[in-house]
C-alpha atoms as a PDB file:
ATOM      1  CA  MET A   1      70.508  98.949 110.454  1.00  0.00           C
ATOM      2  CA  ALA A   2      71.523  96.749 107.534  1.00  0.00           C
ATOM      3  CA  ARG A   3      71.267  99.601 104.904  1.00  0.00           C
ATOM      4  CA  ALA A   4      73.441 101.787 107.496  1.00  0.00           C
ATOM      5  CA  ILE A   5      76.155  99.004 107.111  1.00  0.00           C
ATOM      6  CA  GLU A   6      76.045  98.487 103.544  1.00  0.00           C
ATOM      7  CA  GLU A   7      75.995 102.187 102.632  1.00  0.00           C
ATOM      8  CA  LEU A   8      79.362 102.536 104.541  1.00  0.00           C
ATOM      9  CA  ALA A   9      80.644  99.467 102.521  1.00  0.00           C
ATOM     10  CA  ARG A  10      79.425 101.063  99.229  1.00  0.00           C
ATOM     11  CA  VAL A  11      80.871 104.389  99.768  1.00  0.00           C
ATOM     12  CA  GLU A  12      84.351 102.781 100.186  1.00  0.00           C
ATOM     13  CA  GLY A  13      83.502 100.312  97.187  1.00  0.00           C
ATOM     14  CA  VAL A  14      84.388  97.330  99.156  1.00  0.00           C
ATOM     15  CA  PRO A  15      82.404  94.188 100.581  1.00  0.00           C
ATOM     16  CA  VAL A  16      80.764  94.607 104.031  1.00  0.00           C
ATOM     17  CA  ALA A  17      83.446  93.980 106.840  1.00  0.00           C
ATOM     18  CA  VAL A  18      83.419  94.226 110.494  1.00  0.00           C
ATOM     19  CA  ARG A  19      84.734  97.850 110.494  1.00  0.00           C
ATOM     20  CA  HIS A  20      81.383  98.740 108.771  1.00  0.00           C
ATOM     21  CA  VAL A  21      79.446  97.247 111.605  1.00  0.00           C
ATOM     22  CA  CYS A  22      81.257  99.062 114.188  1.00  0.00           C
ATOM     23  CA  ARG A  23      81.033 102.468 112.558  1.00  0.00           C
ATOM     24  CA  ALA A  24      77.410 101.884 111.626  1.00  0.00           C
ATOM     25  CA  CYS A  25      76.810 100.920 115.198  1.00  0.00           C
ATOM     26  CA  ALA A  26      78.510 104.321 116.429  1.00  0.00           C
ATOM     27  CA  GLU A  27      76.209 106.274 114.130  1.00  0.00           C
ATOM     28  CA  VAL A  28      73.022 104.553 115.073  1.00  0.00           C
ATOM     29  CA  ILE A  29      73.443 104.510 118.736  1.00  0.00           C
ATOM     30  CA  ALA A  30      75.009 107.828 118.642  1.00  0.00           C
ATOM     31  CA  ALA A  31      78.319 106.456 120.430  1.00  0.00           C
ATOM     32  CA  SER A  32      81.376 108.284 120.630  1.00  0.00           C
ATOM     33  CA  GLY A  33      83.356 105.136 119.981  1.00  0.00           C
ATOM     34  CA  VAL A  34      82.802 101.294 119.341  1.00  0.00           C
ATOM     35  CA  ALA A  35      85.262  98.643 119.903  1.00  0.00           C
ATOM     36  CA  LEU A  36      85.160  94.717 118.899  1.00  0.00           C
ATOM     37  CA  TYR A  37      86.838  92.044 121.146  1.00  0.00           C
ATOM     38  CA  VAL A  38      87.337  88.390 120.128  1.00  0.00           C
ATOM     39  CA  LEU A  39      88.384  85.669 122.361  1.00  0.00           C
ATOM     40  CA  GLY A  40      92.009  84.921 121.715  1.00  0.00           C
ATOM     41  CA  ASP A  41      94.394  81.934 122.038  1.00  0.00           C
ATOM     42  CA  LEU A  42      94.678  82.559 125.994  1.00  0.00           C
ATOM     43  CA  GLY A  43      90.919  82.623 126.251  1.00  0.00           C
ATOM     44  CA  LEU A  44      90.905  86.488 126.886  1.00  0.00           C
ATOM     45  CA  GLY A  45      89.195  89.265 124.913  1.00  0.00           C
ATOM     46  CA  GLU A  46      91.542  90.824 122.433  1.00  0.00           C
ATOM     47  CA  VAL A  47      90.909  94.103 120.810  1.00  0.00           C
ATOM     48  CA  VAL A  48      90.796  93.703 117.169  1.00  0.00           C
ATOM     49  CA  TYR A  49      89.128  96.947 115.952  1.00  0.00           C
ATOM     50  CA  THR A  50      88.194 100.359 117.363  1.00  0.00           C
ATOM     51  CA  THR A  51      86.802 103.327 115.915  1.00  0.00           C
ATOM     52  CA  ASP A  52      88.977 106.146 117.085  1.00  0.00           C
ATOM     53  CA  PRO A  53      91.981 106.741 119.289  1.00  0.00           C
ATOM     54  CA  VAL A  54      90.234 107.270 122.666  1.00  0.00           C
ATOM     55  CA  THR A  55      88.090 104.186 122.226  1.00  0.00           C
ATOM     56  CA  CYS A  56      91.470 102.416 121.431  1.00  0.00           C
ATOM     57  CA  ARG A  57      93.091 103.689 124.548  1.00  0.00           C
ATOM     58  CA  VAL A  58      90.193 102.658 126.900  1.00  0.00           C
ATOM     59  CA  ALA A  59      89.694  99.230 125.148  1.00  0.00           C
ATOM     60  CA  GLU A  60      93.359  98.394 125.731  1.00  0.00           C
ATOM     61  CA  LEU A  61      93.113  99.526 129.377  1.00  0.00           C
ATOM     62  CA  GLU A  62      90.324  97.158 129.783  1.00  0.00           C
ATOM     63  CA  VAL A  63      92.419  94.399 128.619  1.00  0.00           C
ATOM     64  CA  THR A  64      95.344  95.604 130.671  1.00  0.00           C
ATOM     65  CA  LEU A  65      93.479  95.901 134.122  1.00  0.00           C
ATOM     66  CA  GLY A  66      91.614  92.619 133.482  1.00  0.00           C
ATOM     67  CA  GLU A  67      88.332  94.408 134.624  1.00  0.00           C
ATOM     68  CA  GLY A  68      85.590  96.183 132.980  1.00  0.00           C
ATOM     69  CA  PRO A  69      82.179  95.602 131.040  1.00  0.00           C
ATOM     70  CA  VAL A  70      83.809  93.414 128.161  1.00  0.00           C
ATOM     71  CA  HIS A  71      85.082  91.233 130.678  1.00  0.00           C
ATOM     72  CA  ASP A  72      81.641  90.720 132.302  1.00  0.00           C
ATOM     73  CA  ALA A  73      79.984  90.255 128.949  1.00  0.00           C
ATOM     74  CA  LEU A  74      82.313  87.713 127.868  1.00  0.00           C
ATOM     75  CA  GLU A  75      81.862  85.673 130.974  1.00  0.00           C
ATOM     76  CA  ARG A  76      78.036  85.869 131.356  1.00  0.00           C
ATOM     77  CA  GLY A  77      77.266  86.153 127.816  1.00  0.00           C
ATOM     78  CA  LEU A  78      74.906  88.932 128.756  1.00  0.00           C
ATOM     79  CA  ALA A  79      74.691  92.573 127.715  1.00  0.00           C
ATOM     80  CA  VAL A  80      76.376  94.699 130.420  1.00  0.00           C
ATOM     81  CA  GLN A  81      75.526  98.448 130.900  1.00  0.00           C
ATOM     82  CA  ALA A  82      77.499 100.939 132.711  1.00  0.00           C
ATOM     83  CA  PRO A  83      75.366 104.256 132.174  1.00  0.00           C
ATOM     84  CA  ASP A  84      77.584 106.417 134.573  1.00  0.00           C
ATOM     85  CA  LEU A  85      81.124 105.253 135.277  1.00  0.00           C
ATOM     86  CA  THR A  86      81.593 107.836 138.005  1.00  0.00           C
ATOM     87  CA  GLY A  87      78.727 106.213 140.071  1.00  0.00           C
ATOM     88  CA  GLU A  88      79.549 104.594 143.137  1.00  0.00           C
ATOM     89  CA  ALA A  89      78.140 101.335 142.066  1.00  0.00           C
ATOM     90  CA  MET A  90      80.335 101.302 138.805  1.00  0.00           C
ATOM     91  CA  VAL A  91      83.291 102.278 140.966  1.00  0.00           C
ATOM     92  CA  CYS A  92      82.687  99.394 143.405  1.00  0.00           C
ATOM     93  CA  ARG A  93      82.259  96.994 140.470  1.00  0.00           C
ATOM     94  CA  TRP A  94      85.504  98.228 138.672  1.00  0.00           C
ATOM     95  CA  PRO A  95      87.475  99.967 141.103  1.00  0.00           C
ATOM     96  CA  VAL A  96      90.606 100.487 138.896  1.00  0.00           C
ATOM     97  CA  PHE A  97      88.893 100.741 135.194  1.00  0.00           C
ATOM     98  CA  ALA A  98      85.958 102.998 135.959  1.00  0.00           C
ATOM     99  CA  PRO A  99      88.258 105.994 137.414  1.00  0.00           C
ATOM    100  CA  GLN A 100      90.874 105.509 134.570  1.00  0.00           C
ATOM    101  CA  ALA A 101      88.214 105.418 131.827  1.00  0.00           C
ATOM    102  CA  SER A 102      86.414 108.388 133.234  1.00  0.00           C
ATOM    103  CA  ALA A 103      89.833 110.234 133.347  1.00  0.00           C
ATOM    104  CA  ALA A 104      90.146 109.281 129.691  1.00  0.00           C
ATOM    105  CA  GLY A 105      86.886 111.062 128.751  1.00  0.00           C
ATOM    106  CA  VAL A 106      84.543 108.225 128.664  1.00  0.00           C
ATOM    107  CA  SER A 107      81.446 108.475 130.866  1.00  0.00           C
ATOM    108  CA  ALA A 108      79.287 105.309 129.853  1.00  0.00           C
ATOM    109  CA  VAL A 109      80.151 101.976 128.447  1.00  0.00           C
ATOM    110  CA  PHE A 110      77.699  99.359 127.043  1.00  0.00           C
ATOM    111  CA  ALA A 111      79.070  95.700 126.019  1.00  0.00           C
ATOM    112  CA  PHE A 112      77.026  93.349 123.878  1.00  0.00           C
ATOM    113  CA  PRO A 113      78.310  89.779 123.637  1.00  0.00           C
ATOM    114  CA  LEU A 114      78.966  88.083 120.345  1.00  0.00           C
ATOM    115  CA  VAL A 115      77.165  84.692 121.341  1.00  0.00           C
ATOM    116  CA  MET A 116      77.416  81.349 119.491  1.00  0.00           C
ATOM    117  CA  GLY A 117      74.887  78.904 121.011  1.00  0.00           C
ATOM    118  CA  MET A 118      75.801  79.141 124.927  1.00  0.00           C
ATOM    119  CA  VAL A 119      79.378  80.445 124.222  1.00  0.00           C
ATOM    120  CA  SER A 120      80.574  83.979 124.042  1.00  0.00           C
ATOM    121  CA  VAL A 121      83.000  84.417 121.206  1.00  0.00           C
ATOM    122  CA  GLY A 122      83.638  88.325 121.621  1.00  0.00           C
ATOM    123  CA  SER A 123      82.134  91.352 122.344  1.00  0.00           C
ATOM    124  CA  LEU A 124      80.944  94.709 120.607  1.00  0.00           C
ATOM    125  CA  GLU A 125      81.394  97.792 123.112  1.00  0.00           C
ATOM    126  CA  VAL A 126      79.906 100.997 122.928  1.00  0.00           C
ATOM    127  CA  TYR A 127      81.442 104.149 124.426  1.00  0.00           C
ATOM    128  CA  ARG A 128      79.822 107.518 125.297  1.00  0.00           C
ATOM    129  CA  THR A 129      81.273 110.759 126.381  1.00  0.00           C
ATOM    130  CA  ILE A 130      78.125 111.753 128.183  1.00  0.00           C
ATOM    131  CA  TRP A 131      76.529 109.628 130.828  1.00  0.00           C
ATOM    132  CA  GLY A 132      73.164 108.217 130.566  1.00  0.00           C
ATOM    133  CA  ALA A 133      71.502 104.825 129.723  1.00  0.00           C
ATOM    134  CA  LEU A 134      70.433 103.372 126.518  1.00  0.00           C
ATOM    135  CA  SER A 135      66.917 103.389 125.596  1.00  0.00           C
ATOM    136  CA  ALA A 136      65.336  99.703 124.893  1.00  0.00           C
ATOM    137  CA  ASP A 137      65.581 100.158 121.202  1.00  0.00           C
ATOM    138  CA  GLU A 138      69.153 101.058 121.388  1.00  0.00           C
ATOM    139  CA  VAL A 139      69.814  98.071 123.441  1.00  0.00           C
ATOM    140  CA  THR A 140      68.195  96.082 120.821  1.00  0.00           C
ATOM    141  CA  ASP A 141      70.149  97.659 118.104  1.00  0.00           C
ATOM    142  CA  GLY A 142      73.350  97.063 120.126  1.00  0.00           C
ATOM    143  CA  LEU A 143      72.503  93.085 120.034  1.00  0.00           C
ATOM    144  CA  LEU A 144      71.646  93.202 116.635  1.00  0.00           C
ATOM    145  CA  PHE A 145      75.036  94.957 115.565  1.00  0.00           C
ATOM    146  CA  ALA A 146      76.891  92.303 117.762  1.00  0.00           C
ATOM    147  CA  GLU A 147      75.042  89.547 115.942  1.00  0.00           C
ATOM    148  CA  ALA A 148      75.970  91.159 112.618  1.00  0.00           C
ATOM    149  CA  ALA A 149      79.840  91.368 113.659  1.00  0.00           C
ATOM    150  CA  MET A 150      79.587  87.749 114.856  1.00  0.00           C
ATOM    151  CA  ARG A 151      78.066  86.517 111.414  1.00  0.00           C
ATOM    152  CA  LEU A 152      80.986  88.130 109.433  1.00  0.00           C
ATOM    153  CA  LEU A 153      83.593  86.332 111.721  1.00  0.00           C
ATOM    154  CA  LEU A 154      81.865  82.957 111.357  1.00  0.00           C
ATOM    155  CA  ASP A 155      81.971  83.463 107.553  1.00  0.00           C
ATOM    156  CA  ARG A 156      85.773  83.681 107.988  1.00  0.00           C
ATOM    157  CA  LEU A 157      86.078  80.906 110.141  1.00  0.00           C
ATOM    158  CA  GLN A 158      84.108  78.798 107.638  1.00  0.00           C
ATOM    159  CA  GLY A 159      86.425  79.805 104.916  1.00  0.00           C
ATOM    160  CA  GLU A 160      83.922  81.975 103.468  1.00  0.00           C
ATOM    161  CA  PRO A 161      84.753  85.463 103.697  1.00  0.00           C
ATOM    162  CA  ALA A 162      81.976  87.929 103.158  1.00  0.00           C
ATOM    163  CA  ALA A 163      81.727  88.400  99.365  1.00  0.00           C
ATOM    164  CA  GLY A 164      85.389  87.599  98.986  1.00  0.00           C
ATOM    165  CA  GLU A 165      86.517  90.138 101.497  1.00  0.00           C
ATOM    166  CA  GLY A 166      90.233  89.799 101.895  1.00  0.00           C
ATOM    167  CA  ASP A 167      90.618  92.036 105.118  1.00  0.00           C
ATOM    168  CA  LEU A 168      87.918  91.509 107.396  1.00  0.00           C
ATOM    169  CA  PHE A 169      88.545  94.518 109.769  1.00  0.00           C
ATOM    170  CA  GLY A 170      90.510  96.942 107.602  1.00  0.00           C
ATOM    171  CA  GLU A 171      92.380  99.949 108.823  1.00  0.00           C
ATOM    172  CA  GLY A 172      91.325 100.992 112.378  1.00  0.00           C
ATOM    173  CA  PHE A 173      92.740 101.629 115.728  1.00  0.00           C
ATOM    174  CA  HIS A 174      93.852  98.557 117.831  1.00  0.00           C
ATOM    175  CA  PRO A 175      96.673  97.023 119.844  1.00  0.00           C
ATOM    176  CA  ASP A 176      99.075  95.065 117.711  1.00  0.00           C
ATOM    177  CA  TRP A 177      98.281  91.622 119.087  1.00  0.00           C
ATOM    178  CA  THR A 178     100.923  89.886 116.771  1.00  0.00           C
ATOM    179  CA  VAL A 179     103.587  91.756 119.026  1.00  0.00           C
ATOM    180  CA  ILE A 180     101.842  90.998 122.174  1.00  0.00           C
ATOM    181  CA  HIS A 181     101.441  87.402 121.387  1.00  0.00           C
ATOM    182  CA  GLN A 182     105.240  87.475 120.393  1.00  0.00           C
ATOM    183  CA  ALA A 183     106.272  89.119 123.555  1.00  0.00           C
ATOM    184  CA  THR A 184     104.077  86.943 125.838  1.00  0.00           C
ATOM    185  CA  GLY A 185     105.992  83.818 124.058  1.00  0.00           C
ATOM    186  CA  MET A 186     109.402  85.544 124.995  1.00  0.00           C
ATOM    187  CA  VAL A 187     108.535  86.166 128.523  1.00  0.00           C
ATOM    188  CA  SER A 188     107.239  82.640 128.960  1.00  0.00           C
ATOM    189  CA  VAL A 189     110.618  81.492 127.881  1.00  0.00           C
ATOM    190  CA  HIS A 190     112.359  83.845 130.057  1.00  0.00           C
ATOM    191  CA  LEU A 191     110.372  83.149 133.137  1.00  0.00           C
ATOM    192  CA  ARG A 192     110.023  79.201 132.246  1.00  0.00           C
ATOM    193  CA  THR A 193     106.292  79.588 132.871  1.00  0.00           C
ATOM    194  CA  ASP A 194     103.151  78.981 130.728  1.00  0.00           C
ATOM    195  CA  LEU A 195     101.737  81.712 128.290  1.00  0.00           C
ATOM    196  CA  THR A 196      98.843  82.745 130.637  1.00  0.00           C
ATOM    197  CA  SER A 197     101.337  83.569 133.523  1.00  0.00           C
ATOM    198  CA  ALA A 198     103.732  85.120 131.073  1.00  0.00           C
ATOM    199  CA  PHE A 199     100.737  87.423 129.789  1.00  0.00           C
ATOM    200  CA  LEU A 200      99.755  88.264 133.395  1.00  0.00           C
ATOM    201  CA  ARG A 201     103.253  89.247 133.994  1.00  0.00           C
ATOM    202  CA  LEU A 202     103.353  91.415 130.874  1.00  0.00           C
ATOM    203  CA  ARG A 203      99.953  93.045 131.733  1.00  0.00           C
ATOM    204  CA  ALA A 204     100.920  93.791 135.224  1.00  0.00           C
ATOM    205  CA  HIS A 205     104.033  95.565 134.051  1.00  0.00           C
ATOM    206  CA  ALA A 206     102.119  97.783 131.800  1.00  0.00           C
ATOM    207  CA  TYR A 207      99.720  98.704 134.633  1.00  0.00           C
ATOM    208  CA  LEU A 208     102.395  99.505 137.002  1.00  0.00           C
ATOM    209  CA  THR A 209     104.522 101.520 134.784  1.00  0.00           C
ATOM    210  CA  ASP A 210     101.184 103.101 133.312  1.00  0.00           C
ATOM    211  CA  ARG A 211     101.989 102.383 129.765  1.00  0.00           C
ATOM    212  CA  SER A 212      99.948 100.630 127.112  1.00  0.00           C
ATOM    213  CA  LEU A 213     100.226  97.025 126.860  1.00  0.00           C
ATOM    214  CA  SER A 214     101.146  97.145 123.035  1.00  0.00           C
ATOM    215  CA  ASP A 215     104.223  99.442 124.008  1.00  0.00           C
ATOM    216  CA  VAL A 216     105.377  97.150 126.664  1.00  0.00           C
ATOM    217  CA  ALA A 217     105.304  94.413 124.246  1.00  0.00           C
ATOM    218  CA  HIS A 218     106.981  96.210 121.645  1.00  0.00           C
ATOM    219  CA  ASP A 219     109.978  96.903 124.005  1.00  0.00           C
ATOM    220  CA  VAL A 220     110.148  93.171 124.950  1.00  0.00           C
ATOM    221  CA  VAL A 221     110.253  92.140 121.324  1.00  0.00           C
ATOM    222  CA  THR A 222     113.022  94.750 120.457  1.00  0.00           C
ATOM    223  CA  ARG A 223     114.806  93.545 123.799  1.00  0.00           C
ATOM    224  CA  ARG A 224     114.733  96.977 125.364  1.00  0.00           C
ATOM    225  CA  LEU A 225     112.745  95.318 128.176  1.00  0.00           C
ATOM    226  CA  GLY A 226     113.461  91.848 129.895  1.00  0.00           C
ATOM    227  CA  PHE A 227     111.780  90.053 132.636  1.00  0.00           C
ATOM    228  CA  SER A 228     113.574  88.019 135.314  1.00  0.00           C
ATOM    229  CA  ARG A 229     111.851  85.298 137.642  1.00  0.00           C
ATOM    230  CA  ASP A 230     111.896  88.001 140.472  1.00  0.00           C
ATOM    231  CA  ALA A 231     111.245  91.200 139.134  1.00  0.00           C
ATOM    232  CA  ASP A 232     111.047  93.165 135.830  1.00  0.00           C
ATOM    233  CA  SER A 233     114.159  94.753 134.592  1.00  0.00           C
ATOM    234  CA  GLY A 234     114.872  97.402 131.930  1.00  0.00           C
ATOM    235  CA  GLY A 235     117.653  97.472 129.316  1.00  0.00           C
ATOM    236  CA  GLN A 236     118.933  94.419 127.530  1.00  0.00           C
ATOM    237  CA  PRO A 237     117.997  91.202 128.939  1.00  0.00           C
END
């Protein structure tokens, strides 16, 4: 596993970064995509890296809906397995996320928490386009890849980027959380409410209009969308 991560970095000619962990995880576990989440300022999982457009879409969907394997993994600090999103048990567990993820082409999802002591600080999520459970070895590999990602994140927090790595994540598919944070602050001012309530309002609008969270946030920042205290309104605020 370590060799797989290091080889990807060697081919690029750069130090090991989180993207190499995600890509190596996809190869070793035979996943169609891998996403990495970290806890943000609002105490919610934020998508910071995905390996492909479909994974990005499903990961952002999970954040928008506020339900899915990653939320359970972050809350419980335990691995969460959803080997068949079309199954009755999964649909009952995540009534909105499961059908929409299936419609996007994802059949199975597995989330591995990034745990520091007793606290979950993020999650590594594996997606597959075919249903089926992971083997015991694959579950172990998922947990180890999550640990590898956590160690790289801790290096940055401690002011020691891995081997002088300036960009821990690199190019990848993920929502623009800078814009989402800016939009959340603007909505908070418009509604005269706290940031958590403003984010929930932003997320609800994305869900009701069937748009991505980052697209809605961009419209708020560019003032094409405004929010009132009673109802969302389009156009100039």
